[in-house]
PDB file of N, CA and C in Angstrom:
ATOM      1  N   MET A   1     -95.951  89.203  -0.397  1.00  0.00           N
ATOM      2  CA  MET A   1     -94.956  88.698  -1.305  1.00  0.00           C
ATOM      3  C   MET A   1     -95.482  88.916  -2.712  1.00  0.00           C
ATOM      4  N   LYS A   2     -94.631  89.404  -3.571  1.00  0.00           N
ATOM      5  CA  LYS A   2     -95.030  89.645  -4.957  1.00  0.00           C
ATOM      6  C   LYS A   2     -94.153  88.810  -5.883  1.00  0.00           C
ATOM      7  N   PHE A   3     -94.797  88.162  -6.844  1.00  0.00           N
ATOM      8  CA  PHE A   3     -94.116  87.381  -7.851  1.00  0.00           C
ATOM      9  C   PHE A   3     -94.346  88.039  -9.203  1.00  0.00           C
ATOM     10  N   SER A   4     -93.281  88.347  -9.914  1.00  0.00           N
ATOM     11  CA  SER A   4     -93.368  88.794 -11.302  1.00  0.00           C
ATOM     12  C   SER A   4     -92.899  87.624 -12.144  1.00  0.00           C
ATOM     13  N   LEU A   5     -93.792  87.105 -12.991  1.00  0.00           N
ATOM     14  CA  LEU A   5     -93.477  85.869 -13.679  1.00  0.00           C
ATOM     15  C   LEU A   5     -94.146  85.813 -15.048  1.00  0.00           C
ATOM     16  N   PRO A   6     -93.605  84.967 -15.927  1.00  0.00           N
ATOM     17  CA  PRO A   6     -94.219  84.807 -17.249  1.00  0.00           C
ATOM     18  C   PRO A   6     -95.620  84.211 -17.128  1.00  0.00           C
ATOM     19  N   SER A   7     -96.468  84.503 -18.086  1.00  0.00           N
ATOM     20  CA  SER A   7     -97.864  84.064 -18.031  1.00  0.00           C
ATOM     21  C   SER A   7     -98.020  82.548 -18.099  1.00  0.00           C
ATOM     22  N   TYR A   8     -97.043  81.840 -18.668  1.00  0.00           N
ATOM     23  CA  TYR A   8     -97.172  80.388 -18.813  1.00  0.00           C
ATOM     24  C   TYR A   8     -96.872  79.609 -17.530  1.00  0.00           C
ATOM     25  N   ILE A   9     -96.398  80.277 -16.498  1.00  0.00           N
ATOM     26  CA  ILE A   9     -96.103  79.594 -15.240  1.00  0.00           C
ATOM     27  C   ILE A   9     -97.414  79.268 -14.529  1.00  0.00           C
ATOM     28  N   GLU A  10     -97.595  77.986 -14.183  1.00  0.00           N
ATOM     29  CA  GLU A  10     -98.795  77.582 -13.448  1.00  0.00           C
ATOM     30  C   GLU A  10     -98.706  78.091 -12.021  1.00  0.00           C
ATOM     31  N   ARG A  11     -99.807  78.687 -11.553  1.00  0.00           N
ATOM     32  CA  ARG A  11     -99.842  79.253 -10.208  1.00  0.00           C
ATOM     33  C   ARG A  11    -101.221  79.054  -9.602  1.00  0.00           C
ATOM     34  N   ASP A  12    -101.268  79.072  -8.299  1.00  0.00           N
ATOM     35  CA  ASP A  12    -102.525  78.935  -7.571  1.00  0.00           C
ATOM     36  C   ASP A  12    -102.956  80.330  -7.133  1.00  0.00           C
ATOM     37  N   GLU A  13    -103.996  80.839  -7.744  1.00  0.00           N
ATOM     38  CA  GLU A  13    -104.466  82.186  -7.428  1.00  0.00           C
ATOM     39  C   GLU A  13    -105.014  82.279  -6.003  1.00  0.00           C
ATOM     40  N   ASN A  14    -105.277  81.138  -5.360  1.00  0.00           N
ATOM     41  CA  ASN A  14    -105.785  81.104  -3.993  1.00  0.00           C
ATOM     42  C   ASN A  14    -104.689  80.795  -2.972  1.00  0.00           C
ATOM     43  N   LEU A  15    -103.447  80.981  -3.351  1.00  0.00           N
ATOM     44  CA  LEU A  15    -102.324  80.650  -2.479  1.00  0.00           C
ATOM     45  C   LEU A  15    -102.376  81.414  -1.162  1.00  0.00           C
ATOM     46  N   SER A  16    -102.705  82.682  -1.207  1.00  0.00           N
ATOM     47  CA  SER A  16    -102.772  83.483   0.012  1.00  0.00           C
ATOM     48  C   SER A  16    -103.793  82.907   0.991  1.00  0.00           C
ATOM     49  N   ILE A  17    -104.925  82.455   0.487  1.00  0.00           N
ATOM     50  CA  ILE A  17    -105.963  81.866   1.339  1.00  0.00           C
ATOM     51  C   ILE A  17    -105.470  80.562   1.943  1.00  0.00           C
ATOM     52  N   LYS A  18    -104.791  79.731   1.142  1.00  0.00           N
ATOM     53  CA  LYS A  18    -104.263  78.464   1.649  1.00  0.00           C
ATOM     54  C   LYS A  18    -103.264  78.698   2.775  1.00  0.00           C
ATOM     55  N   ILE A  19    -102.383  79.696   2.600  1.00  0.00           N
ATOM     56  CA  ILE A  19    -101.391  79.989   3.626  1.00  0.00           C
ATOM     57  C   ILE A  19    -102.085  80.496   4.883  1.00  0.00           C
ATOM     58  N   SER A  20    -103.070  81.366   4.718  1.00  0.00           N
ATOM     59  CA  SER A  20    -103.814  81.877   5.876  1.00  0.00           C
ATOM     60  C   SER A  20    -104.552  80.763   6.602  1.00  0.00           C
ATOM     61  N   ASP A  21    -105.085  79.797   5.875  1.00  0.00           N
ATOM     62  CA  ASP A  21    -105.758  78.664   6.503  1.00  0.00           C
ATOM     63  C   ASP A  21    -104.776  77.817   7.317  1.00  0.00           C
ATOM     64  N   LEU A  22    -103.546  77.695   6.845  1.00  0.00           N
ATOM     65  CA  LEU A  22    -102.536  76.918   7.558  1.00  0.00           C
ATOM     66  C   LEU A  22    -102.030  77.635   8.805  1.00  0.00           C
ATOM     67  N   SER A  23    -101.966  78.949   8.728  1.00  0.00           N
ATOM     68  CA  SER A  23    -101.440  79.751   9.825  1.00  0.00           C
ATOM     69  C   SER A  23    -102.322  80.992   9.993  1.00  0.00           C
ATOM     70  N   PRO A  24    -103.470  80.846  10.662  1.00  0.00           N
ATOM     71  CA  PRO A  24    -104.449  81.934  10.742  1.00  0.00           C
ATOM     72  C   PRO A  24    -103.921  83.236  11.340  1.00  0.00           C
ATOM     73  N   SER A  25    -102.912  83.175  12.183  1.00  0.00           N
ATOM     74  CA  SER A  25    -102.389  84.398  12.786  1.00  0.00           C
ATOM     75  C   SER A  25    -101.452  85.156  11.848  1.00  0.00           C
ATOM     76  N   LEU A  26    -101.145  84.558  10.716  1.00  0.00           N
ATOM     77  CA  LEU A  26    -100.216  85.153   9.763  1.00  0.00           C
ATOM     78  C   LEU A  26    -100.977  85.738   8.586  1.00  0.00           C
ATOM     79  N   TYR A  27    -100.803  87.044   8.352  1.00  0.00           N
ATOM     80  CA  TYR A  27    -101.354  87.642   7.143  1.00  0.00           C
ATOM     81  C   TYR A  27    -100.273  87.575   6.087  1.00  0.00           C
ATOM     82  N   PHE A  28    -100.552  86.874   5.012  1.00  0.00           N
ATOM     83  CA  PHE A  28     -99.543  86.650   3.990  1.00  0.00           C
ATOM     84  C   PHE A  28    -100.158  86.950   2.641  1.00  0.00           C
ATOM     85  N   GLY A  29    -100.075  88.194   2.214  1.00  0.00           N
ATOM     86  CA  GLY A  29    -100.618  88.584   0.925  1.00  0.00           C
ATOM     87  C   GLY A  29     -99.722  88.130  -0.211  1.00  0.00           C
ATOM     88  N   ILE A  30    -100.335  87.617  -1.255  1.00  0.00           N
ATOM     89  CA  ILE A  30     -99.624  87.164  -2.448  1.00  0.00           C
ATOM     90  C   ILE A  30    -100.143  87.970  -3.634  1.00  0.00           C
ATOM     91  N   GLU A  31     -99.220  88.475  -4.428  1.00  0.00           N
ATOM     92  CA  GLU A  31     -99.599  89.206  -5.636  1.00  0.00           C
ATOM     93  C   GLU A  31     -98.819  88.627  -6.808  1.00  0.00           C
ATOM     94  N   PHE A  32     -99.524  88.342  -7.887  1.00  0.00           N
ATOM     95  CA  PHE A  32     -98.888  87.850  -9.101  1.00  0.00           C
ATOM     96  C   PHE A  32     -98.950  88.945 -10.160  1.00  0.00           C
ATOM     97  N   LYS A  33     -97.806  89.254 -10.757  1.00  0.00           N
ATOM     98  CA  LYS A  33     -97.728  90.179 -11.892  1.00  0.00           C
ATOM     99  C   LYS A  33     -97.090  89.416 -13.042  1.00  0.00           C
ATOM    100  N   THR A  34     -97.582  89.652 -14.232  1.00  0.00           N
ATOM    101  CA  THR A  34     -97.073  88.958 -15.410  1.00  0.00           C
ATOM    102  C   THR A  34     -96.082  89.836 -16.161  1.00  0.00           C
ATOM    103  N   HIS A  35     -95.008  89.224 -16.635  1.00  0.00           N
ATOM    104  CA  HIS A  35     -94.046  89.914 -17.493  1.00  0.00           C
ATOM    105  C   HIS A  35     -93.579  88.952 -18.578  1.00  0.00           C
ATOM    106  N   ASN A  36     -92.768  89.439 -19.507  1.00  0.00           N
ATOM    107  CA  ASN A  36     -92.308  88.629 -20.637  1.00  0.00           C
ATOM    108  C   ASN A  36     -90.836  88.252 -20.540  1.00  0.00           C
ATOM    109  N   LEU A  37     -90.266  88.250 -19.356  1.00  0.00           N
ATOM    110  CA  LEU A  37     -88.858  87.920 -19.175  1.00  0.00           C
ATOM    111  C   LEU A  37     -88.694  86.427 -18.917  1.00  0.00           C
ATOM    112  N   ASP A  38     -87.457  85.962 -18.955  1.00  0.00           N
ATOM    113  CA  ASP A  38     -87.162  84.547 -18.716  1.00  0.00           C
ATOM    114  C   ASP A  38     -86.711  84.311 -17.282  1.00  0.00           C
ATOM    115  N   ASN A  39     -87.430  84.905 -16.327  1.00  0.00           N
ATOM    116  CA  ASN A  39     -87.129  84.682 -14.918  1.00  0.00           C
ATOM    117  C   ASN A  39     -88.376  84.945 -14.095  1.00  0.00           C
ATOM    118  N   ILE A  40     -88.288  84.597 -12.823  1.00  0.00           N
ATOM    119  CA  ILE A  40     -89.324  84.928 -11.852  1.00  0.00           C
ATOM    120  C   ILE A  40     -88.660  85.796 -10.802  1.00  0.00           C
ATOM    121  N   THR A  41     -89.217  86.950 -10.568  1.00  0.00           N
ATOM    122  CA  THR A  41     -88.687  87.867  -9.563  1.00  0.00           C
ATOM    123  C   THR A  41     -89.597  87.808  -8.343  1.00  0.00           C
ATOM    124  N   VAL A  42     -88.970  87.658  -7.173  1.00  0.00           N
ATOM    125  CA  VAL A  42     -89.703  87.601  -5.916  1.00  0.00           C
ATOM    126  C   VAL A  42     -89.320  88.831  -5.097  1.00  0.00           C
ATOM    127  N   THR A  43     -90.329  89.562  -4.634  1.00  0.00           N
ATOM    128  CA  THR A  43     -90.087  90.694  -3.733  1.00  0.00           C
ATOM    129  C   THR A  43     -90.967  90.520  -2.500  1.00  0.00           C
ATOM    130  N   ASN A  44     -90.498  91.051  -1.405  1.00  0.00           N
ATOM    131  CA  ASN A  44     -91.216  90.947  -0.145  1.00  0.00           C
ATOM    132  C   ASN A  44     -91.167  92.294   0.559  1.00  0.00           C
ATOM    133  N   ILE A  45     -92.295  92.940   0.676  1.00  0.00           N
ATOM    134  CA  ILE A  45     -92.419  94.248   1.318  1.00  0.00           C
ATOM    135  C   ILE A  45     -91.411  95.229   0.730  1.00  0.00           C
ATOM    136  N   GLY A  46     -91.351  95.257  -0.590  1.00  0.00           N
ATOM    137  CA  GLY A  46     -90.489  96.204  -1.284  1.00  0.00           C
ATOM    138  C   GLY A  46     -89.026  95.832  -1.349  1.00  0.00           C
ATOM    139  N   GLU A  47     -88.634  94.731  -0.735  1.00  0.00           N
ATOM    140  CA  GLU A  47     -87.233  94.291  -0.766  1.00  0.00           C
ATOM    141  C   GLU A  47     -87.093  93.097  -1.701  1.00  0.00           C
ATOM    142  N   SER A  48     -85.940  93.004  -2.328  1.00  0.00           N
ATOM    143  CA  SER A  48     -85.686  91.891  -3.223  1.00  0.00           C
ATOM    144  C   SER A  48     -85.673  90.583  -2.445  1.00  0.00           C
ATOM    145  N   GLY A  49     -86.339  89.578  -3.004  1.00  0.00           N
ATOM    146  CA  GLY A  49     -86.343  88.260  -2.396  1.00  0.00           C
ATOM    147  C   GLY A  49     -85.540  87.271  -3.208  1.00  0.00           C
ATOM    148  N   GLY A  50     -85.298  87.611  -4.471  1.00  0.00           N
ATOM    149  CA  GLY A  50     -84.485  86.743  -5.296  1.00  0.00           C
ATOM    150  C   GLY A  50     -85.031  86.578  -6.702  1.00  0.00           C
ATOM    151  N   ILE A  51     -84.270  85.821  -7.477  1.00  0.00           N
ATOM    152  CA  ILE A  51     -84.579  85.564  -8.878  1.00  0.00           C
ATOM    153  C   ILE A  51     -84.527  84.062  -9.107  1.00  0.00           C
ATOM    154  N   ILE A  52     -85.551  83.529  -9.756  1.00  0.00           N
ATOM    155  CA  ILE A  52     -85.547  82.135 -10.201  1.00  0.00           C
ATOM    156  C   ILE A  52     -85.337  82.160 -11.707  1.00  0.00           C
ATOM    157  N   GLY A  53     -84.356  81.409 -12.187  1.00  0.00           N
ATOM    158  CA  GLY A  53     -84.104  81.352 -13.615  1.00  0.00           C
ATOM    159  C   GLY A  53     -82.723  80.824 -13.920  1.00  0.00           C
ATOM    160  N   ILE A  54     -82.482  80.542 -15.173  1.00  0.00           N
ATOM    161  CA  ILE A  54     -81.217  79.956 -15.600  1.00  0.00           C
ATOM    162  C   ILE A  54     -80.103  80.998 -15.671  1.00  0.00           C
ATOM    163  N   ASP A  55     -80.415  82.215 -16.101  1.00  0.00           N
ATOM    164  CA  ASP A  55     -79.397  83.255 -16.236  1.00  0.00           C
ATOM    165  C   ASP A  55     -79.125  83.927 -14.893  1.00  0.00           C
ATOM    166  N   ALA A  56     -77.857  84.027 -14.540  1.00  0.00           N
ATOM    167  CA  ALA A  56     -77.465  84.612 -13.251  1.00  0.00           C
ATOM    168  C   ALA A  56     -77.760  86.110 -13.220  1.00  0.00           C
ATOM    169  N   PRO A  57     -78.409  86.575 -12.153  1.00  0.00           N
ATOM    170  CA  PRO A  57     -78.623  88.007 -11.983  1.00  0.00           C
ATOM    171  C   PRO A  57     -77.388  88.644 -11.344  1.00  0.00           C
ATOM    172  N   ALA A  58     -77.489  89.912 -11.008  1.00  0.00           N
ATOM    173  CA  ALA A  58     -76.398  90.608 -10.316  1.00  0.00           C
ATOM    174  C   ALA A  58     -76.051  89.859  -9.026  1.00  0.00           C
ATOM    175  N   ASN A  59     -74.806  89.979  -8.601  1.00  0.00           N
ATOM    176  CA  ASN A  59     -74.348  89.276  -7.398  1.00  0.00           C
ATOM    177  C   ASN A  59     -75.094  89.691  -6.139  1.00  0.00           C
ATOM    178  N   SER A  60     -75.755  90.819  -6.171  1.00  0.00           N
ATOM    179  CA  SER A  60     -76.498  91.280  -5.001  1.00  0.00           C
ATOM    180  C   SER A  60     -77.858  90.588  -4.860  1.00  0.00           C
ATOM    181  N   GLU A  61     -78.263  89.836  -5.878  1.00  0.00           N
ATOM    182  CA  GLU A  61     -79.561  89.147  -5.877  1.00  0.00           C
ATOM    183  C   GLU A  61     -79.394  87.689  -5.465  1.00  0.00           C
ATOM    184  N   VAL A  62     -80.319  87.182  -4.659  1.00  0.00           N
ATOM    185  CA  VAL A  62     -80.355  85.753  -4.373  1.00  0.00           C
ATOM    186  C   VAL A  62     -80.835  85.062  -5.645  1.00  0.00           C
ATOM    187  N   TRP A  63     -80.110  84.039  -6.057  1.00  0.00           N
ATOM    188  CA  TRP A  63     -80.385  83.367  -7.324  1.00  0.00           C
ATOM    189  C   TRP A  63     -80.736  81.907  -7.089  1.00  0.00           C
ATOM    190  N   VAL A  64     -81.853  81.488  -7.649  1.00  0.00           N
ATOM    191  CA  VAL A  64     -82.262  80.086  -7.638  1.00  0.00           C
ATOM    192  C   VAL A  64     -82.141  79.603  -9.080  1.00  0.00           C
ATOM    193  N   PRO A  65     -81.034  78.922  -9.417  1.00  0.00           N
ATOM    194  CA  PRO A  65     -80.754  78.556 -10.812  1.00  0.00           C
ATOM    195  C   PRO A  65     -81.481  77.287 -11.264  1.00  0.00           C
ATOM    196  N   LEU A  66     -82.779  77.393 -11.387  1.00  0.00           N
ATOM    197  CA  LEU A  66     -83.598  76.272 -11.838  1.00  0.00           C
ATOM    198  C   LEU A  66     -84.500  76.739 -12.972  1.00  0.00           C
ATOM    199  N   ASP A  67     -85.048  75.763 -13.712  1.00  0.00           N
ATOM    200  CA  ASP A  67     -86.032  76.184 -14.703  1.00  0.00           C
ATOM    201  C   ASP A  67     -87.207  76.798 -13.943  1.00  0.00           C
ATOM    202  N   LEU A  68     -87.944  77.661 -14.599  1.00  0.00           N
ATOM    203  CA  LEU A  68     -88.911  78.512 -13.915  1.00  0.00           C
ATOM    204  C   LEU A  68     -90.014  77.750 -13.193  1.00  0.00           C
ATOM    205  N   GLN A  69     -90.654  76.807 -13.849  1.00  0.00           N
ATOM    206  CA  GLN A  69     -91.771  76.118 -13.188  1.00  0.00           C
ATOM    207  C   GLN A  69     -91.289  75.300 -11.999  1.00  0.00           C
ATOM    208  N   THR A  70     -90.173  74.578 -12.173  1.00  0.00           N
ATOM    209  CA  THR A  70     -89.632  73.773 -11.077  1.00  0.00           C
ATOM    210  C   THR A  70     -89.237  74.655  -9.897  1.00  0.00           C
ATOM    211  N   GLY A  71     -88.509  75.727 -10.168  1.00  0.00           N
ATOM    212  CA  GLY A  71     -88.085  76.630  -9.096  1.00  0.00           C
ATOM    213  C   GLY A  71     -89.257  77.261  -8.368  1.00  0.00           C
ATOM    214  N   PHE A  72     -90.267  77.670  -9.125  1.00  0.00           N
ATOM    215  CA  PHE A  72     -91.455  78.271  -8.525  1.00  0.00           C
ATOM    216  C   PHE A  72     -92.199  77.249  -7.665  1.00  0.00           C
ATOM    217  N   ASP A  73     -92.363  76.042  -8.179  1.00  0.00           N
ATOM    218  CA  ASP A  73     -93.056  74.996  -7.420  1.00  0.00           C
ATOM    219  C   ASP A  73     -92.338  74.673  -6.117  1.00  0.00           C
ATOM    220  N   ILE A  74     -91.010  74.578  -6.159  1.00  0.00           N
ATOM    221  CA  ILE A  74     -90.236  74.294  -4.948  1.00  0.00           C
ATOM    222  C   ILE A  74     -90.377  75.434  -3.945  1.00  0.00           C
ATOM    223  N   LEU A  75     -90.304  76.671  -4.411  1.00  0.00           N
ATOM    224  CA  LEU A  75     -90.457  77.817  -3.517  1.00  0.00           C
ATOM    225  C   LEU A  75     -91.825  77.792  -2.835  1.00  0.00           C
ATOM    226  N   ILE A  76     -92.875  77.544  -3.588  1.00  0.00           N
ATOM    227  CA  ILE A  76     -94.222  77.513  -3.017  1.00  0.00           C
ATOM    228  C   ILE A  76     -94.351  76.370  -2.012  1.00  0.00           C
ATOM    229  N   GLU A  77     -93.768  75.204  -2.309  1.00  0.00           N
ATOM    230  CA  GLU A  77     -93.775  74.092  -1.353  1.00  0.00           C
ATOM    231  C   GLU A  77     -93.121  74.500  -0.036  1.00  0.00           C
ATOM    232  N   GLU A  78     -92.007  75.228  -0.118  1.00  0.00           N
ATOM    233  CA  GLU A  78     -91.311  75.672   1.095  1.00  0.00           C
ATOM    234  C   GLU A  78     -92.129  76.707   1.867  1.00  0.00           C
ATOM    235  N   VAL A  79     -92.767  77.621   1.167  1.00  0.00           N
ATOM    236  CA  VAL A  79     -93.614  78.623   1.827  1.00  0.00           C
ATOM    237  C   VAL A  79     -94.757  77.922   2.561  1.00  0.00           C
ATOM    238  N   ILE A  80     -95.382  76.951   1.914  1.00  0.00           N
ATOM    239  CA  ILE A  80     -96.476  76.207   2.546  1.00  0.00           C
ATOM    240  C   ILE A  80     -95.967  75.408   3.745  1.00  0.00           C
ATOM    241  N   ALA A  81     -94.795  74.799   3.623  1.00  0.00           N
ATOM    242  CA  ALA A  81     -94.222  74.041   4.740  1.00  0.00           C
ATOM    243  C   ALA A  81     -93.941  74.953   5.931  1.00  0.00           C
ATOM    244  N   LEU A  82     -93.416  76.138   5.679  1.00  0.00           N
ATOM    245  CA  LEU A  82     -93.152  77.081   6.774  1.00  0.00           C
ATOM    246  C   LEU A  82     -94.459  77.536   7.425  1.00  0.00           C
ATOM    247  N   ALA A  83     -95.472  77.820   6.623  1.00  0.00           N
ATOM    248  CA  ALA A  83     -96.767  78.219   7.179  1.00  0.00           C
ATOM    249  C   ALA A  83     -97.361  77.081   8.008  1.00  0.00           C
ATOM    250  N   SER A  84     -97.221  75.843   7.531  1.00  0.00           N
ATOM    251  CA  SER A  84     -97.727  74.678   8.268  1.00  0.00           C
ATOM    252  C   SER A  84     -97.011  74.500   9.602  1.00  0.00           C
ATOM    253  N   ALA A  85     -95.738  74.865   9.632  1.00  0.00           N
ATOM    254  CA  ALA A  85     -94.943  74.740  10.860  1.00  0.00           C
ATOM    255  C   ALA A  85     -95.214  75.884  11.839  1.00  0.00           C
ATOM    256  N   GLY A  86     -95.970  76.882  11.399  1.00  0.00           N
ATOM    257  CA  GLY A  86     -96.284  77.995  12.285  1.00  0.00           C
ATOM    258  C   GLY A  86     -95.397  79.205  12.129  1.00  0.00           C
ATOM    259  N   TYR A  87     -94.644  79.266  11.029  1.00  0.00           N
ATOM    260  CA  TYR A  87     -93.774  80.409  10.787  1.00  0.00           C
ATOM    261  C   TYR A  87     -94.587  81.697  10.890  1.00  0.00           C
ATOM    262  N   PRO A  88     -94.084  82.747  11.491  1.00  0.00           N
ATOM    263  CA  PRO A  88     -92.720  82.967  11.947  1.00  0.00           C
ATOM    264  C   PRO A  88     -92.457  82.586  13.395  1.00  0.00           C
ATOM    265  N   ALA A  89     -93.447  82.028  14.080  1.00  0.00           N
ATOM    266  CA  ALA A  89     -93.266  81.734  15.500  1.00  0.00           C
ATOM    267  C   ALA A  89     -92.703  80.343  15.766  1.00  0.00           C
ATOM    268  N   CYS A  90     -92.334  79.609  14.744  1.00  0.00           N
ATOM    269  CA  CYS A  90     -91.835  78.255  14.939  1.00  0.00           C
ATOM    270  C   CYS A  90     -90.331  78.286  15.220  1.00  0.00           C
ATOM    271  N   ALA A  91     -89.933  77.690  16.317  1.00  0.00           N
ATOM    272  CA  ALA A  91     -88.513  77.645  16.673  1.00  0.00           C
ATOM    273  C   ALA A  91     -87.812  76.598  15.833  1.00  0.00           C
ATOM    274  N   GLY A  92     -86.811  77.028  15.060  1.00  0.00           N
ATOM    275  CA  GLY A  92     -85.994  76.111  14.288  1.00  0.00           C
ATOM    276  C   GLY A  92     -86.613  75.600  13.003  1.00  0.00           C
ATOM    277  N   CYS A  93     -87.767  76.127  12.590  1.00  0.00           N
ATOM    278  CA  CYS A  93     -88.420  75.570  11.395  1.00  0.00           C
ATOM    279  C   CYS A  93     -87.675  75.920  10.115  1.00  0.00           C
ATOM    280  N   GLY A  94     -86.767  76.883  10.171  1.00  0.00           N
ATOM    281  CA  GLY A  94     -85.990  77.235   8.989  1.00  0.00           C
ATOM    282  C   GLY A  94     -84.728  76.407   8.840  1.00  0.00           C
ATOM    283  N   GLY A  95     -84.470  75.509   9.783  1.00  0.00           N
ATOM    284  CA  GLY A  95     -83.258  74.700   9.743  1.00  0.00           C
ATOM    285  C   GLY A  95     -82.098  75.414  10.419  1.00  0.00           C
ATOM    286  N   SER A  96     -81.034  74.691  10.662  1.00  0.00           N
ATOM    287  CA  SER A  96     -79.890  75.248  11.394  1.00  0.00           C
ATOM    288  C   SER A  96     -79.212  76.385  10.655  1.00  0.00           C
ATOM    289  N   ASP A  97     -79.212  76.346   9.338  1.00  0.00           N
ATOM    290  CA  ASP A  97     -78.535  77.400   8.587  1.00  0.00           C
ATOM    291  C   ASP A  97     -79.345  78.697   8.524  1.00  0.00           C
ATOM    292  N   ALA A  98     -80.591  78.683   8.991  1.00  0.00           N
ATOM    293  CA  ALA A  98     -81.417  79.896   8.977  1.00  0.00           C
ATOM    294  C   ALA A  98     -80.923  80.925   9.992  1.00  0.00           C
ATOM    295  N   GLU A  99     -80.095  80.499  10.916  1.00  0.00           N
ATOM    296  CA  GLU A  99     -79.582  81.406  11.953  1.00  0.00           C
ATOM    297  C   GLU A  99     -78.311  82.129  11.520  1.00  0.00           C
ATOM    298  N   THR A 100     -77.749  81.777  10.380  1.00  0.00           N
ATOM    299  CA  THR A 100     -76.512  82.408   9.918  1.00  0.00           C
ATOM    300  C   THR A 100     -76.820  83.425   8.818  1.00  0.00           C
ATOM    301  N   SER A 101     -75.914  84.354   8.632  1.00  0.00           N
ATOM    302  CA  SER A 101     -76.079  85.362   7.589  1.00  0.00           C
ATOM    303  C   SER A 101     -75.942  84.719   6.212  1.00  0.00           C
ATOM    304  N   TRP A 102     -76.730  85.208   5.265  1.00  0.00           N
ATOM    305  CA  TRP A 102     -76.686  84.684   3.905  1.00  0.00           C
ATOM    306  C   TRP A 102     -75.536  85.332   3.151  1.00  0.00           C
ATOM    307  N   ASP A 103     -74.737  84.538   2.475  1.00  0.00           N
ATOM    308  CA  ASP A 103     -73.639  85.034   1.653  1.00  0.00           C
ATOM    309  C   ASP A 103     -73.836  84.492   0.238  1.00  0.00           C
ATOM    310  N   GLU A 104     -74.507  85.280  -0.597  1.00  0.00           N
ATOM    311  CA  GLU A 104     -74.869  84.833  -1.945  1.00  0.00           C
ATOM    312  C   GLU A 104     -73.651  84.424  -2.761  1.00  0.00           C
ATOM    313  N   LEU A 105     -72.570  85.202  -2.694  1.00  0.00           N
ATOM    314  CA  LEU A 105     -71.381  84.875  -3.492  1.00  0.00           C
ATOM    315  C   LEU A 105     -70.762  83.551  -3.057  1.00  0.00           C
ATOM    316  N   ALA A 106     -70.691  83.306  -1.768  1.00  0.00           N
ATOM    317  CA  ALA A 106     -70.133  82.044  -1.280  1.00  0.00           C
ATOM    318  C   ALA A 106     -70.993  80.860  -1.718  1.00  0.00           C
ATOM    319  N   ILE A 107     -72.306  81.033  -1.675  1.00  0.00           N
ATOM    320  CA  ILE A 107     -73.207  79.962  -2.113  1.00  0.00           C
ATOM    321  C   ILE A 107     -73.019  79.686  -3.601  1.00  0.00           C
ATOM    322  N   ARG A 108     -72.922  80.730  -4.409  1.00  0.00           N
ATOM    323  CA  ARG A 108     -72.723  80.538  -5.849  1.00  0.00           C
ATOM    324  C   ARG A 108     -71.413  79.824  -6.129  1.00  0.00           C
ATOM    325  N   GLU A 109     -70.369  80.138  -5.374  1.00  0.00           N
ATOM    326  CA  GLU A 109     -69.075  79.500  -5.594  1.00  0.00           C
ATOM    327  C   GLU A 109     -69.126  78.002  -5.280  1.00  0.00           C
ATOM    328  N   LEU A 110     -70.003  77.615  -4.356  1.00  0.00           N
ATOM    329  CA  LEU A 110     -70.137  76.193  -4.035  1.00  0.00           C
ATOM    330  C   LEU A 110     -70.689  75.395  -5.213  1.00  0.00           C
ATOM    331  N   TYR A 111     -71.533  76.035  -6.022  1.00  0.00           N
ATOM    332  CA  TYR A 111     -72.235  75.323  -7.080  1.00  0.00           C
ATOM    333  C   TYR A 111     -71.731  75.635  -8.476  1.00  0.00           C
ATOM    334  N   TYR A 112     -71.054  76.789  -8.656  1.00  0.00           N
ATOM    335  CA  TYR A 112     -70.646  77.176 -10.015  1.00  0.00           C
ATOM    336  C   TYR A 112     -69.204  77.558 -10.077  1.00  0.00           C
TER     337      TYR A 112
END
């Protein structure tokens, strides 16, 4: 997983080790890149994972409309929770809605 984020965002440079300690069978590489934009971009194995920030990205991007530090902290908490649950081998650890297809436009319409 790669995060492109502003330099002022607090991050744990040992996050990959913490995740591996929680789920030893899971290799979860974390890379942090710094940029000067007002968002955090998340990519996973070359695919877009989404954007954290106040300004809406293109409709094809998953958008987490929160301030950057809060959104980043919540995302990391969820990643750690999934690793603690044994993801990806945990049955149902993503919740009931994890089994349905994601519809970014429908989700945005619910909130905006």
